[in-house]
Amino acid sequence: MAAMLKVSLILSLLGFLVIAVVTPSAANPFRKSVVLGGKSGVPNIRTNREIQELGRYCVEQFNQQEQTEQGNIGSIAKTDTAMSNPLVFSRVVSAQKQVVAGTKYYLRIEVTQPNGSNRMFDSVVVIQPWLHSKQLLGFTPVVSPIY
């Protein structure tokens, strides 16, 4: 009877040990904390071709919107100026993503302005691959750029 009790105790301790090792712990320093619906950083921005192309897309869409708005004003001169001097994509400086009904990206994009100076813009774009949809929601200049 003592032998069975000893075996039972050893098996119980072994079971607890297995559970402790297999069960993820909130105190585990190697586990990344992700909040559902929250923003998360995008790694390797400089070498991430998809993110850089998404930044290029945002600048192109902004340039097209500007051309359309200038054209609506009715001034051919303004439209010609907008078409001949669009913003030129340089690079995506920082990026975050958020899972919504698709993936929403928050990008900080460096562009070259028509006068040759560089400027930062914050951009928001949503991609819904199952709808083959990509939509620019916002493209605003950064007042005081933080690199």
N, C-alpha and C. Protein backbone atom coordinates (compact mmCIF):
# COMPACT_ATOMS: atom_id res chain seq x y z
N MET A 1 0.82 -1.18 0.00
CA MET A 1 0.00 0.00 0.00
C MET A 1 0.87 1.25 0.00
N ALA A 2 1.93 1.27 0.74
CA ALA A 2 2.84 2.41 0.78
C ALA A 2 3.50 2.60 -0.58
N ALA A 3 3.78 1.48 -1.27
CA ALA A 3 4.39 1.56 -2.60
C ALA A 3 3.43 2.19 -3.60
N MET A 4 2.14 1.83 -3.50
CA MET A 4 1.13 2.41 -4.40
C MET A 4 0.96 3.90 -4.13
N LEU A 5 0.99 4.28 -2.88
CA LEU A 5 0.88 5.68 -2.51
C LEU A 5 2.06 6.48 -3.05
N LYS A 6 3.24 5.89 -2.94
CA LYS A 6 4.45 6.54 -3.44
C LYS A 6 4.39 6.71 -4.97
N VAL A 7 3.96 5.68 -5.70
CA VAL A 7 3.82 5.73 -7.16
C VAL A 7 2.76 6.77 -7.55
N SER A 8 1.66 6.78 -6.83
CA SER A 8 0.58 7.74 -7.09
C SER A 8 1.07 9.17 -6.89
N LEU A 9 1.83 9.39 -5.82
CA LEU A 9 2.37 10.72 -5.55
C LEU A 9 3.35 11.15 -6.64
N ILE A 10 4.21 10.23 -7.08
CA ILE A 10 5.18 10.55 -8.13
C ILE A 10 4.45 10.87 -9.44
N LEU A 11 3.44 10.08 -9.80
CA LEU A 11 2.67 10.34 -11.03
C LEU A 11 1.93 11.67 -10.96
N SER A 12 1.39 12.00 -9.80
CA SER A 12 0.71 13.29 -9.62
C SER A 12 1.67 14.45 -9.81
N LEU A 13 2.84 14.34 -9.18
CA LEU A 13 3.85 15.40 -9.32
C LEU A 13 4.32 15.51 -10.77
N LEU A 14 4.49 14.38 -11.43
CA LEU A 14 4.90 14.38 -12.83
C LEU A 14 3.82 15.04 -13.70
N GLY A 15 2.56 14.75 -13.39
CA GLY A 15 1.44 15.36 -14.12
C GLY A 15 1.43 16.88 -13.95
N PHE A 16 1.62 17.34 -12.72
CA PHE A 16 1.67 18.78 -12.47
C PHE A 16 2.84 19.44 -13.19
N LEU A 17 3.97 18.75 -13.22
CA LEU A 17 5.14 19.27 -13.93
C LEU A 17 4.86 19.40 -15.42
N VAL A 18 4.24 18.40 -16.01
CA VAL A 18 3.90 18.46 -17.44
C VAL A 18 2.94 19.61 -17.71
N ILE A 19 1.94 19.77 -16.87
CA ILE A 19 0.98 20.87 -17.05
C ILE A 19 1.68 22.22 -16.93
N ALA A 20 2.57 22.36 -15.97
CA ALA A 20 3.28 23.63 -15.75
C ALA A 20 4.18 23.97 -16.94
N VAL A 21 4.78 22.97 -17.55
CA VAL A 21 5.68 23.22 -18.68
C VAL A 21 4.89 23.50 -19.95
N VAL A 22 3.80 22.79 -20.17
CA VAL A 22 3.04 22.91 -21.42
C VAL A 22 2.15 24.15 -21.42
N THR A 23 1.57 24.51 -20.30
CA THR A 23 0.64 25.64 -20.22
C THR A 23 1.41 26.95 -20.33
N PRO A 24 1.03 27.83 -21.30
CA PRO A 24 1.72 29.13 -21.40
C PRO A 24 1.40 29.99 -20.18
N SER A 25 2.40 30.65 -19.71
CA SER A 25 2.27 31.48 -18.52
C SER A 25 2.25 32.95 -18.90
N ALA A 26 1.46 33.71 -18.19
CA ALA A 26 1.42 35.16 -18.44
C ALA A 26 2.74 35.80 -18.06
N ALA A 27 3.50 35.15 -17.17
CA ALA A 27 4.78 35.70 -16.74
C ALA A 27 5.92 35.30 -17.66
N ASN A 28 5.64 34.54 -18.71
CA ASN A 28 6.68 34.08 -19.62
C ASN A 28 7.27 35.28 -20.38
N PRO A 29 8.54 35.61 -20.21
CA PRO A 29 9.12 36.78 -20.86
C PRO A 29 9.29 36.60 -22.38
N PHE A 30 9.20 35.39 -22.88
CA PHE A 30 9.39 35.14 -24.31
C PHE A 30 8.09 35.19 -25.09
N ARG A 31 7.00 35.29 -24.39
CA ARG A 31 5.69 35.32 -25.04
C ARG A 31 5.33 36.77 -25.36
N LYS A 32 4.91 37.01 -26.61
CA LYS A 32 4.50 38.35 -27.00
C LYS A 32 3.05 38.57 -26.62
N SER A 33 2.77 39.72 -26.07
CA SER A 33 1.41 40.05 -25.69
C SER A 33 0.73 40.75 -26.86
N VAL A 34 -0.37 40.20 -27.30
CA VAL A 34 -1.11 40.78 -28.41
C VAL A 34 -2.54 41.01 -27.96
N VAL A 35 -3.03 42.22 -28.14
CA VAL A 35 -4.39 42.55 -27.81
C VAL A 35 -5.21 42.42 -29.08
N LEU A 36 -6.26 41.62 -29.02
CA LEU A 36 -7.09 41.45 -30.21
C LEU A 36 -7.68 42.79 -30.63
N GLY A 37 -7.54 43.13 -31.89
CA GLY A 37 -8.03 44.40 -32.41
C GLY A 37 -7.08 45.55 -32.17
N GLY A 38 -6.01 45.33 -31.44
CA GLY A 38 -5.05 46.38 -31.14
C GLY A 38 -4.00 46.51 -32.24
N LYS A 39 -3.29 47.61 -32.21
CA LYS A 39 -2.22 47.84 -33.19
C LYS A 39 -0.98 47.05 -32.79
N SER A 40 -0.25 46.60 -33.80
CA SER A 40 1.02 45.93 -33.54
C SER A 40 2.04 46.45 -34.54
N GLY A 41 3.30 46.45 -34.13
CA GLY A 41 4.37 46.93 -35.00
C GLY A 41 4.63 45.97 -36.15
N VAL A 42 5.13 46.51 -37.24
CA VAL A 42 5.51 45.70 -38.40
C VAL A 42 7.04 45.62 -38.40
N PRO A 43 7.59 44.41 -38.36
CA PRO A 43 9.05 44.27 -38.30
C PRO A 43 9.72 44.49 -39.66
N ASN A 44 11.00 44.83 -39.62
CA ASN A 44 11.85 44.93 -40.81
C ASN A 44 11.24 45.81 -41.91
N ILE A 45 10.87 47.01 -41.55
CA ILE A 45 10.17 47.90 -42.49
C ILE A 45 11.01 48.20 -43.72
N ARG A 46 12.29 48.48 -43.51
CA ARG A 46 13.15 48.84 -44.65
C ARG A 46 13.26 47.74 -45.69
N THR A 47 13.25 46.49 -45.26
CA THR A 47 13.40 45.37 -46.18
C THR A 47 12.08 44.70 -46.52
N ASN A 48 11.00 45.16 -45.94
CA ASN A 48 9.68 44.57 -46.18
C ASN A 48 9.10 45.16 -47.46
N ARG A 49 9.21 44.39 -48.54
CA ARG A 49 8.79 44.87 -49.86
C ARG A 49 7.29 45.21 -49.89
N GLU A 50 6.47 44.40 -49.22
CA GLU A 50 5.03 44.64 -49.20
C GLU A 50 4.70 45.99 -48.57
N ILE A 51 5.35 46.31 -47.45
CA ILE A 51 5.10 47.58 -46.76
C ILE A 51 5.59 48.76 -47.60
N GLN A 52 6.77 48.62 -48.21
CA GLN A 52 7.29 49.71 -49.05
C GLN A 52 6.37 49.95 -50.26
N GLU A 53 5.86 48.87 -50.86
CA GLU A 53 4.93 49.02 -51.99
C GLU A 53 3.61 49.63 -51.53
N LEU A 54 3.19 49.30 -50.33
CA LEU A 54 1.97 49.90 -49.79
C LEU A 54 2.16 51.40 -49.58
N GLY A 55 3.33 51.80 -49.13
CA GLY A 55 3.63 53.23 -49.00
C GLY A 55 3.62 53.93 -50.35
N ARG A 56 4.19 53.29 -51.35
CA ARG A 56 4.19 53.84 -52.71
C ARG A 56 2.75 54.00 -53.21
N TYR A 57 1.93 52.99 -52.96
CA TYR A 57 0.52 53.04 -53.34
C TYR A 57 -0.18 54.25 -52.70
N CYS A 58 0.08 54.49 -51.41
CA CYS A 58 -0.54 55.61 -50.70
C CYS A 58 -0.18 56.95 -51.34
N VAL A 59 1.08 57.12 -51.70
CA VAL A 59 1.52 58.37 -52.32
C VAL A 59 0.86 58.53 -53.70
N GLU A 60 0.81 57.44 -54.47
CA GLU A 60 0.17 57.50 -55.79
C GLU A 60 -1.31 57.85 -55.68
N GLN A 61 -2.00 57.24 -54.70
CA GLN A 61 -3.42 57.53 -54.51
C GLN A 61 -3.62 58.99 -54.08
N PHE A 62 -2.76 59.48 -53.21
CA PHE A 62 -2.85 60.87 -52.78
C PHE A 62 -2.66 61.80 -53.98
N ASN A 63 -1.65 61.51 -54.81
CA ASN A 63 -1.41 62.34 -56.00
C ASN A 63 -2.63 62.33 -56.93
N GLN A 64 -3.25 61.17 -57.11
CA GLN A 64 -4.44 61.08 -57.97
C GLN A 64 -5.59 61.88 -57.38
N GLN A 65 -5.78 61.80 -56.06
CA GLN A 65 -6.85 62.56 -55.41
C GLN A 65 -6.62 64.06 -55.55
N GLU A 66 -5.35 64.46 -55.40
CA GLU A 66 -5.01 65.88 -55.54
C GLU A 66 -5.30 66.36 -56.97
N GLN A 67 -4.97 65.55 -57.95
CA GLN A 67 -5.24 65.91 -59.34
C GLN A 67 -6.73 66.06 -59.58
N THR A 68 -7.52 65.15 -59.02
CA THR A 68 -8.97 65.20 -59.19
C THR A 68 -9.54 66.44 -58.52
N GLU A 69 -9.09 66.74 -57.31
CA GLU A 69 -9.57 67.93 -56.61
C GLU A 69 -9.15 69.21 -57.34
N GLN A 70 -7.93 69.25 -57.83
CA GLN A 70 -7.47 70.42 -58.58
C GLN A 70 -8.30 70.57 -59.85
N GLY A 71 -8.60 69.47 -60.49
CA GLY A 71 -9.41 69.50 -61.71
C GLY A 71 -10.81 69.98 -61.45
N ASN A 72 -11.35 69.66 -60.28
CA ASN A 72 -12.70 70.10 -59.92
C ASN A 72 -12.77 71.60 -59.70
N ILE A 73 -11.65 72.21 -59.37
CA ILE A 73 -11.62 73.66 -59.19
C ILE A 73 -11.81 74.35 -60.53
N GLY A 74 -11.42 73.68 -61.58
CA GLY A 74 -11.65 74.23 -62.91
C GLY A 74 -10.47 74.96 -63.49
N SER A 75 -9.34 75.00 -62.81
CA SER A 75 -8.19 75.69 -63.32
C SER A 75 -7.25 74.71 -64.02
N ILE A 76 -7.08 74.84 -65.29
CA ILE A 76 -6.19 73.96 -66.04
C ILE A 76 -4.77 74.15 -65.57
N ALA A 77 -4.39 75.37 -65.24
CA ALA A 77 -3.02 75.63 -64.78
C ALA A 77 -2.73 74.86 -63.49
N LYS A 78 -3.68 74.87 -62.56
CA LYS A 78 -3.48 74.15 -61.30
C LYS A 78 -3.38 72.64 -61.54
N THR A 79 -4.22 72.13 -62.44
CA THR A 79 -4.19 70.70 -62.75
C THR A 79 -2.86 70.34 -63.39
N ASP A 80 -2.39 71.16 -64.32
CA ASP A 80 -1.10 70.88 -64.96
C ASP A 80 0.03 70.90 -63.94
N THR A 81 -0.02 71.85 -63.00
CA THR A 81 1.01 71.93 -61.98
C THR A 81 0.97 70.70 -61.10
N ALA A 82 -0.22 70.26 -60.70
CA ALA A 82 -0.34 69.08 -59.84
C ALA A 82 0.16 67.85 -60.57
N MET A 83 -0.12 67.75 -61.87
CA MET A 83 0.29 66.57 -62.62
C MET A 83 1.78 66.57 -62.87
N SER A 84 2.37 67.74 -63.09
CA SER A 84 3.79 67.79 -63.40
C SER A 84 4.66 67.79 -62.15
N ASN A 85 4.09 68.08 -60.97
CA ASN A 85 4.86 68.13 -59.73
C ASN A 85 4.22 67.33 -58.60
N PRO A 86 4.01 66.04 -58.79
CA PRO A 86 3.43 65.26 -57.70
C PRO A 86 4.46 64.96 -56.61
N LEU A 87 3.98 64.51 -55.47
CA LEU A 87 4.87 64.03 -54.42
C LEU A 87 5.53 62.75 -54.92
N VAL A 88 6.79 62.54 -54.54
CA VAL A 88 7.52 61.34 -54.96
C VAL A 88 7.81 60.49 -53.72
N PHE A 89 7.41 59.24 -53.77
CA PHE A 89 7.64 58.32 -52.67
C PHE A 89 9.13 58.13 -52.44
N SER A 90 9.55 58.20 -51.15
CA SER A 90 10.93 57.91 -50.78
C SER A 90 11.00 56.58 -50.05
N ARG A 91 10.29 56.49 -48.90
CA ARG A 91 10.34 55.25 -48.13
C ARG A 91 9.30 55.29 -47.01
N VAL A 92 8.96 54.12 -46.50
CA VAL A 92 8.13 54.02 -45.30
C VAL A 92 9.08 54.02 -44.11
N VAL A 93 8.86 54.91 -43.18
CA VAL A 93 9.73 55.08 -42.02
C VAL A 93 9.27 54.21 -40.85
N SER A 94 7.96 54.14 -40.63
CA SER A 94 7.43 53.29 -39.56
C SER A 94 6.08 52.75 -39.99
N ALA A 95 5.69 51.62 -39.40
CA ALA A 95 4.43 50.99 -39.77
C ALA A 95 3.86 50.22 -38.60
N GLN A 96 2.54 50.29 -38.48
CA GLN A 96 1.79 49.47 -37.54
C GLN A 96 0.62 48.88 -38.30
N LYS A 97 0.12 47.75 -37.81
CA LYS A 97 -1.06 47.17 -38.44
C LYS A 97 -2.07 46.80 -37.38
N GLN A 98 -3.32 46.72 -37.81
CA GLN A 98 -4.42 46.41 -36.91
C GLN A 98 -5.39 45.52 -37.67
N VAL A 99 -5.79 44.41 -37.07
CA VAL A 99 -6.75 43.54 -37.73
C VAL A 99 -8.14 44.06 -37.43
N VAL A 100 -8.84 44.43 -38.50
CA VAL A 100 -10.23 44.90 -38.43
C VAL A 100 -10.98 44.02 -39.43
N ALA A 101 -11.91 44.56 -40.18
CA ALA A 101 -12.53 43.81 -41.27
C ALA A 101 -11.54 43.88 -42.43
N GLY A 102 -10.43 43.20 -42.26
CA GLY A 102 -9.29 43.29 -43.16
C GLY A 102 -8.09 43.67 -42.31
N THR A 103 -7.11 44.29 -42.93
CA THR A 103 -5.95 44.77 -42.18
C THR A 103 -5.80 46.26 -42.42
N LYS A 104 -5.74 47.01 -41.34
CA LYS A 104 -5.57 48.47 -41.42
C LYS A 104 -4.11 48.76 -41.10
N TYR A 105 -3.45 49.49 -41.99
CA TYR A 105 -2.06 49.85 -41.80
C TYR A 105 -1.94 51.34 -41.51
N TYR A 106 -1.10 51.66 -40.55
CA TYR A 106 -0.78 53.03 -40.19
C TYR A 106 0.69 53.23 -40.58
N LEU A 107 0.93 54.03 -41.59
CA LEU A 107 2.28 54.20 -42.13
C LEU A 107 2.75 55.64 -41.97
N ARG A 108 4.01 55.81 -41.63
CA ARG A 108 4.66 57.12 -41.70
C ARG A 108 5.57 57.05 -42.93
N ILE A 109 5.30 57.92 -43.88
CA ILE A 109 5.94 57.87 -45.19
C ILE A 109 6.75 59.13 -45.44
N GLU A 110 7.97 58.95 -45.91
CA GLU A 110 8.80 60.07 -46.31
C GLU A 110 8.63 60.26 -47.82
N VAL A 111 8.36 61.50 -48.23
CA VAL A 111 8.20 61.82 -49.65
C VAL A 111 9.12 62.98 -50.01
N THR A 112 9.37 63.10 -51.29
CA THR A 112 10.08 64.27 -51.81
C THR A 112 9.05 65.19 -52.44
N GLN A 113 9.05 66.45 -52.01
CA GLN A 113 8.10 67.44 -52.52
C GLN A 113 8.61 68.01 -53.84
N PRO A 114 7.73 68.68 -54.58
CA PRO A 114 8.14 69.27 -55.86
C PRO A 114 9.35 70.20 -55.77
N ASN A 115 9.55 70.85 -54.61
CA ASN A 115 10.69 71.76 -54.47
C ASN A 115 11.98 71.03 -54.10
N GLY A 116 11.91 69.69 -53.97
CA GLY A 116 13.10 68.89 -53.67
C GLY A 116 13.31 68.59 -52.19
N SER A 117 12.52 69.20 -51.32
CA SER A 117 12.67 68.93 -49.88
C SER A 117 11.90 67.66 -49.51
N ASN A 118 12.32 67.07 -48.41
CA ASN A 118 11.64 65.87 -47.91
C ASN A 118 10.63 66.26 -46.85
N ARG A 119 9.56 65.48 -46.76
CA ARG A 119 8.52 65.72 -45.77
C ARG A 119 7.89 64.39 -45.37
N MET A 120 7.38 64.32 -44.14
CA MET A 120 6.73 63.12 -43.64
C MET A 120 5.22 63.26 -43.70
N PHE A 121 4.56 62.15 -44.01
CA PHE A 121 3.11 62.08 -44.02
C PHE A 121 2.69 60.84 -43.24
N ASP A 122 1.57 60.96 -42.52
CA ASP A 122 0.95 59.80 -41.88
C ASP A 122 -0.17 59.32 -42.77
N SER A 123 -0.19 58.03 -43.01
CA SER A 123 -1.15 57.45 -43.92
C SER A 123 -1.88 56.30 -43.25
N VAL A 124 -3.15 56.14 -43.59
CA VAL A 124 -3.95 55.01 -43.12
C VAL A 124 -4.56 54.35 -44.34
N VAL A 125 -4.35 53.03 -44.44
CA VAL A 125 -4.87 52.29 -45.60
C VAL A 125 -5.43 50.96 -45.10
N VAL A 126 -6.55 50.52 -45.70
CA VAL A 126 -7.18 49.26 -45.33
C VAL A 126 -7.13 48.32 -46.51
N ILE A 127 -6.73 47.07 -46.24
CA ILE A 127 -6.68 46.05 -47.28
C ILE A 127 -7.65 44.94 -46.89
N GLN A 128 -8.50 44.56 -47.85
CA GLN A 128 -9.42 43.44 -47.70
C GLN A 128 -9.16 42.48 -48.86
N PRO A 129 -8.25 41.53 -48.69
CA PRO A 129 -7.84 40.68 -49.80
C PRO A 129 -8.96 39.87 -50.42
N TRP A 130 -9.92 39.44 -49.63
CA TRP A 130 -11.01 38.62 -50.18
C TRP A 130 -11.92 39.42 -51.10
N LEU A 131 -11.89 40.74 -50.98
CA LEU A 131 -12.65 41.63 -51.87
C LEU A 131 -11.76 42.25 -52.94
N HIS A 132 -10.48 41.91 -52.91
CA HIS A 132 -9.48 42.54 -53.79
C HIS A 132 -9.56 44.06 -53.65
N SER A 133 -9.62 44.51 -52.39
CA SER A 133 -9.83 45.92 -52.10
C SER A 133 -8.66 46.49 -51.31
N LYS A 134 -8.27 47.69 -51.71
CA LYS A 134 -7.24 48.46 -51.01
C LYS A 134 -7.73 49.90 -51.05
N GLN A 135 -7.88 50.52 -49.87
CA GLN A 135 -8.45 51.86 -49.82
C GLN A 135 -7.63 52.78 -48.92
N LEU A 136 -7.22 53.91 -49.47
CA LEU A 136 -6.52 54.94 -48.70
C LEU A 136 -7.55 55.72 -47.91
N LEU A 137 -7.43 55.72 -46.58
CA LEU A 137 -8.37 56.43 -45.72
C LEU A 137 -7.87 57.79 -45.30
N GLY A 138 -6.55 57.95 -45.21
CA GLY A 138 -6.01 59.22 -44.76
C GLY A 138 -4.57 59.40 -45.21
N PHE A 139 -4.22 60.64 -45.49
CA PHE A 139 -2.85 60.98 -45.89
C PHE A 139 -2.63 62.42 -45.45
N THR A 140 -2.02 62.58 -44.26
CA THR A 140 -1.88 63.92 -43.69
C THR A 140 -0.42 64.24 -43.40
N PRO A 141 -0.03 65.49 -43.62
CA PRO A 141 1.36 65.88 -43.32
C PRO A 141 1.63 65.85 -41.83
N VAL A 142 2.83 65.45 -41.49
CA VAL A 142 3.27 65.44 -40.09
C VAL A 142 3.78 66.84 -39.78
N VAL A 143 3.24 67.45 -38.73
CA VAL A 143 3.62 68.82 -38.38
C VAL A 143 5.05 68.88 -37.90
N SER A 144 5.42 68.03 -36.96
CA SER A 144 6.80 67.99 -36.47
C SER A 144 7.29 66.55 -36.59
N PRO A 145 8.04 66.26 -37.64
CA PRO A 145 8.45 64.87 -37.87
C PRO A 145 9.34 64.32 -36.76
N ILE A 146 9.01 63.11 -36.34
CA ILE A 146 9.81 62.40 -35.35
C ILE A 146 10.34 61.16 -36.05
N TYR A 147 11.65 61.05 -36.09
CA TYR A 147 12.24 59.91 -36.80
C TYR A 147 12.49 58.79 -35.86
